[in-house]
Protein backbone atom coordinates (compact mmCIF):
# COMPACT_ATOMS: atom_id res chain seq x y z
CA MET A 1 23.52 -4.51 -10.05
CA THR A 2 20.75 -6.17 -8.10
CA ALA A 3 20.47 -5.03 -4.50
CA THR A 4 19.39 -7.39 -1.73
CA ARG A 5 18.86 -7.17 2.00
CA ASP A 6 19.37 -10.08 4.34
CA SER A 7 16.37 -9.24 6.53
CA ILE A 8 13.49 -6.81 6.88
CA ALA A 9 14.62 -3.23 7.36
CA PRO A 10 12.33 -1.62 9.97
CA GLY A 11 10.54 1.33 8.45
CA ALA A 12 11.50 0.55 4.85
CA LEU A 13 8.47 1.40 2.74
CA GLY A 14 7.91 0.31 -0.82
CA VAL A 15 5.65 2.52 -2.92
CA LEU A 16 3.82 1.12 -5.94
CA GLY A 17 1.78 3.63 -7.90
CA GLY A 18 -0.38 3.20 -10.93
CA THR A 19 -3.88 3.41 -12.31
CA PHE A 20 -4.70 -0.17 -11.23
CA ASP A 21 -7.62 -0.38 -13.65
CA PRO A 22 -7.82 -3.19 -12.67
CA ILE A 23 -5.12 -4.41 -10.29
CA HIS A 24 -3.82 -7.80 -11.46
CA ILE A 25 -1.44 -10.57 -10.42
CA ALA A 26 1.61 -8.94 -12.05
CA HIS A 27 1.19 -5.89 -9.80
CA LEU A 28 1.02 -8.15 -6.76
CA ALA A 29 3.92 -10.34 -7.86
CA VAL A 30 6.19 -7.33 -8.44
CA ALA A 31 5.24 -5.85 -5.06
CA GLU A 32 6.03 -9.14 -3.33
CA GLU A 33 9.33 -9.50 -5.19
CA ALA A 34 10.38 -6.03 -4.05
CA ARG A 35 9.26 -6.70 -0.48
CA ASP A 36 11.09 -10.01 -0.31
CA THR A 37 14.25 -9.00 -2.19
CA LEU A 38 14.76 -5.57 -0.64
CA GLY A 39 13.58 -6.39 2.87
CA LEU A 40 10.72 -3.89 2.84
CA GLU A 41 8.57 -3.73 5.94
CA GLN A 42 5.54 -2.70 3.91
CA VAL A 43 4.48 -2.02 0.33
CA LEU A 44 1.99 0.80 -0.15
CA PHE A 45 -0.24 0.72 -3.23
CA ILE A 46 -1.27 4.21 -4.34
CA PRO A 47 -3.89 4.45 -7.10
CA ALA A 48 -3.54 7.56 -9.24
CA GLY A 49 -6.25 10.18 -9.21
CA GLU A 50 -5.45 11.85 -12.54
CA PRO A 51 -2.61 9.94 -14.27
CA PRO A 52 -0.53 12.62 -16.03
CA HIS A 53 0.55 10.13 -18.70
CA LYS A 54 -3.07 9.35 -19.67
CA PRO A 55 -4.59 12.75 -20.46
CA GLY A 56 -8.20 12.60 -21.56
CA GLN A 57 -8.38 8.82 -21.14
CA ALA A 58 -11.47 7.51 -19.38
CA ILE A 59 -10.62 5.56 -16.25
CA THR A 60 -12.69 3.76 -13.66
CA PRO A 61 -13.73 5.95 -10.71
CA GLY A 62 -11.07 6.07 -8.00
CA ASP A 63 -13.19 4.58 -5.24
CA ASP A 64 -13.89 1.51 -7.37
CA ARG A 65 -10.19 1.03 -8.20
CA LEU A 66 -9.39 1.49 -4.51
CA ALA A 67 -11.94 -1.17 -3.60
CA MET A 68 -10.36 -3.64 -6.03
CA ILE A 69 -6.92 -3.03 -4.50
CA GLN A 70 -8.32 -3.58 -1.00
CA LEU A 71 -9.78 -6.89 -2.13
CA ALA A 72 -6.54 -7.91 -3.85
CA ILE A 73 -4.26 -7.28 -0.85
CA ALA A 74 -6.58 -8.31 1.97
CA ASP A 75 -4.64 -11.49 2.77
CA ASN A 76 -1.17 -9.88 2.90
CA PRO A 77 -0.39 -7.98 6.12
CA ALA A 78 2.69 -6.43 4.48
CA PHE A 79 0.55 -4.71 1.82
CA ALA A 80 -1.46 -1.54 2.38
CA VAL A 81 -3.26 1.02 0.23
CA SER A 82 -3.45 4.81 0.33
CA ARG A 83 -5.99 7.11 -1.26
CA MET A 84 -3.71 10.16 -1.04
CA GLU A 85 -3.57 10.70 -4.81
CA LEU A 86 -7.32 10.17 -5.18
CA ASP A 87 -7.93 12.95 -2.67
CA ARG A 88 -5.43 15.36 -4.22
CA ASP A 89 -6.63 17.83 -6.85
CA GLY A 90 -4.88 17.84 -10.19
CA PRO A 91 -2.51 15.34 -11.85
CA SER A 92 -0.89 12.64 -9.71
CA TYR A 93 2.83 13.37 -9.89
CA THR A 94 5.21 10.92 -8.25
CA VAL A 95 7.43 13.69 -6.89
CA ASP A 96 4.47 15.18 -4.98
CA THR A 97 3.47 11.81 -3.53
CA LEU A 98 6.98 10.94 -2.39
CA SER A 99 7.44 14.42 -0.91
CA ALA A 100 4.22 14.00 1.07
CA LEU A 101 5.22 10.54 2.31
CA ARG A 102 8.64 11.81 3.34
CA ALA A 103 7.09 14.73 5.21
CA GLU A 104 4.68 12.39 7.01
CA ARG A 105 7.51 10.17 8.18
CA LEU A 106 9.65 13.06 9.33
CA ALA A 107 6.70 14.56 11.22
CA ALA A 108 6.25 11.21 12.97
CA GLY A 109 9.91 11.21 14.02
CA GLU A 110 10.79 8.41 11.60
CA THR A 111 13.66 8.22 9.15
CA PRO A 112 12.25 8.14 5.61
CA ASP A 113 13.36 4.99 3.78
CA LEU A 114 11.29 5.03 0.63
CA VAL A 115 11.61 2.64 -2.31
CA PHE A 116 9.61 3.53 -5.40
CA ILE A 117 8.80 0.41 -7.44
CA VAL A 118 8.46 0.85 -11.19
CA SER A 119 8.49 -1.36 -14.28
CA ALA A 120 11.22 -1.17 -16.89
CA GLU A 121 8.57 -0.02 -19.36
CA ALA A 122 7.60 2.94 -17.17
CA PHE A 123 11.19 3.76 -16.28
CA ALA A 124 12.03 4.16 -19.97
CA ALA A 125 10.15 7.48 -19.81
CA PHE A 126 11.50 8.47 -16.39
CA GLU A 127 13.47 11.44 -17.75
CA THR A 128 10.18 13.01 -18.89
CA TRP A 129 8.61 12.80 -15.43
CA ARG A 130 8.23 15.90 -13.30
CA GLU A 131 11.51 16.56 -11.44
CA PRO A 132 13.08 13.12 -11.96
CA LYS A 133 16.26 14.05 -10.11
CA HIS A 134 14.23 15.09 -7.08
CA VAL A 135 12.38 11.76 -7.27
CA LEU A 136 15.77 10.03 -7.00
CA GLU A 137 16.64 12.20 -4.01
CA LEU A 138 13.40 11.28 -2.26
CA ALA A 139 13.48 7.52 -2.86
CA THR A 140 15.47 4.59 -4.11
CA ILE A 141 14.04 3.42 -7.44
CA ALA A 142 13.53 -0.33 -7.79
CA ILE A 143 13.08 -1.31 -11.43
CA ALA A 144 11.22 -4.52 -12.20
CA PRO A 145 11.62 -6.21 -15.60
CA ARG A 146 8.58 -6.68 -17.79
CA ASP A 147 8.37 -9.41 -20.38
CA GLY A 148 8.19 -7.98 -23.87
CA PHE A 149 10.02 -4.75 -23.02
CA PRO A 150 13.77 -3.99 -22.95
CA ASP A 151 15.43 -4.25 -19.56
CA ALA A 152 16.66 -1.08 -17.93
CA THR A 153 20.45 -1.04 -17.67
CA ARG A 154 22.92 0.39 -15.20
CA GLU A 155 24.77 2.07 -18.09
CA ALA A 156 21.66 3.98 -19.18
CA VAL A 157 21.00 5.11 -15.62
CA VAL A 158 24.59 6.33 -15.20
CA ARG A 159 24.39 8.27 -18.47
CA ALA A 160 21.12 9.94 -17.57
CA PHE A 161 21.66 10.51 -13.85
CA PRO A 162 25.38 10.17 -13.06
CA GLU A 163 25.04 11.81 -9.64
CA HIS A 164 22.13 9.63 -8.59
CA ALA A 165 22.92 6.27 -10.18
CA ASP A 166 23.40 4.67 -6.78
CA ARG A 167 19.73 5.42 -6.07
CA VAL A 168 18.59 2.80 -8.60
CA VAL A 169 18.40 -0.95 -8.00
CA PHE A 170 17.21 -3.73 -10.28
CA LEU A 171 14.85 -6.59 -9.46
CA ASP A 172 15.47 -9.95 -11.14
CA GLY A 173 11.79 -10.65 -11.74
CA PRO A 174 9.08 -11.66 -12.04
CA ARG A 175 8.82 -11.48 -15.81
CA LEU A 176 5.07 -11.40 -16.28
CA ARG A 177 3.42 -9.90 -19.33
CA LEU A 178 0.03 -8.62 -18.28
CA SER A 179 -1.61 -5.30 -19.02
CA ALA A 180 -4.70 -3.76 -17.49
CA SER A 181 -5.90 -2.67 -20.95
CA ASP A 182 -5.84 -6.28 -22.15
CA LEU A 183 -7.81 -7.35 -19.08
CA ARG A 184 -10.41 -4.65 -19.68
CA GLU A 185 -10.80 -5.90 -23.24
CA ARG A 186 -11.23 -9.47 -22.00
CA ALA A 187 -13.87 -8.37 -19.50
CA ALA A 188 -15.68 -6.34 -22.17
CA ALA A 189 -15.79 -9.45 -24.36
CA GLY A 190 -17.19 -11.53 -21.50
CA ARG A 191 -14.02 -13.59 -21.18
CA SER A 192 -12.72 -15.04 -17.92
CA LEU A 193 -10.23 -13.12 -15.77
CA ARG A 194 -9.58 -16.11 -13.54
CA TYR A 195 -5.88 -16.54 -12.62
CA LEU A 196 -5.17 -13.10 -14.12
CA VAL A 197 -6.61 -11.11 -11.22
CA PRO A 198 -7.34 -12.29 -7.66
CA ASP A 199 -10.65 -14.14 -7.38
CA ALA A 200 -12.16 -11.40 -5.23
CA VAL A 201 -11.29 -8.80 -7.85
CA ALA A 202 -12.78 -10.93 -10.64
CA ALA A 203 -15.97 -11.27 -8.59
CA HIS A 204 -16.08 -7.51 -7.99
CA ILE A 205 -15.71 -6.80 -11.71
CA GLU A 206 -18.47 -9.28 -12.55
CA ASP A 207 -20.83 -8.15 -9.79
CA HIS A 208 -20.50 -4.47 -10.72
CA GLY A 209 -20.53 -4.98 -14.48
CA ARG A 210 -17.21 -3.21 -14.64
CA TYR A 211 -15.63 -2.93 -18.13
CA ARG A 212 -18.70 -4.55 -19.71
CA ASP A 213 -19.27 -3.55 -23.32
CA PRO A 214 -22.76 -1.99 -23.40
CA ARG A 215 -23.16 -3.20 -26.99
CA ARG A 216 -22.80 -6.80 -25.86
CA THR A 217 -26.00 -8.60 -24.92
CA PRO A 218 -25.94 -10.91 -21.86
């Protein structure tokens, strides 16, 4: 079932986590789809400090990834970014981030209305996440399809989490097939990232020599 809201729900916060190395148009399109479809007041991008699903993998320094997100969302007042996972020691677990956001909202006298946005590809491993049932208690999960990967289904959710199945909603789109690893390879090969990442992000990558293959001569 696809959930929709007729208008913006005051205080409804979408949360989109990830490595964002680099952020690209599919990230932005999914965030906007969730905002528009679910009536979110804001979508918060949270770059991971130490992604638990990428142990030992070299990633771009957090401040640089944060800067690219800031450039990417600068023209959308409904988008914001948080460095909370970058400033936290240890692996970036979703349950910890959502718990912190919930606590912040309660401390401010607000009713937490959190929507965690995730791709169907990522949700396929959701049962292996730290405290997945608690994640479902903390936030509604909005699953976005991803071209090239099987869609998540209501039946699978009910089988895995029968007591929390109503905490999962499905987005109709967009079905974009982009991966940050492919973009890093393109950049390393000196290929254009235009129309794959925002222009300001492409300029940042070029200006800072990000992802450049040191074996490649100018």
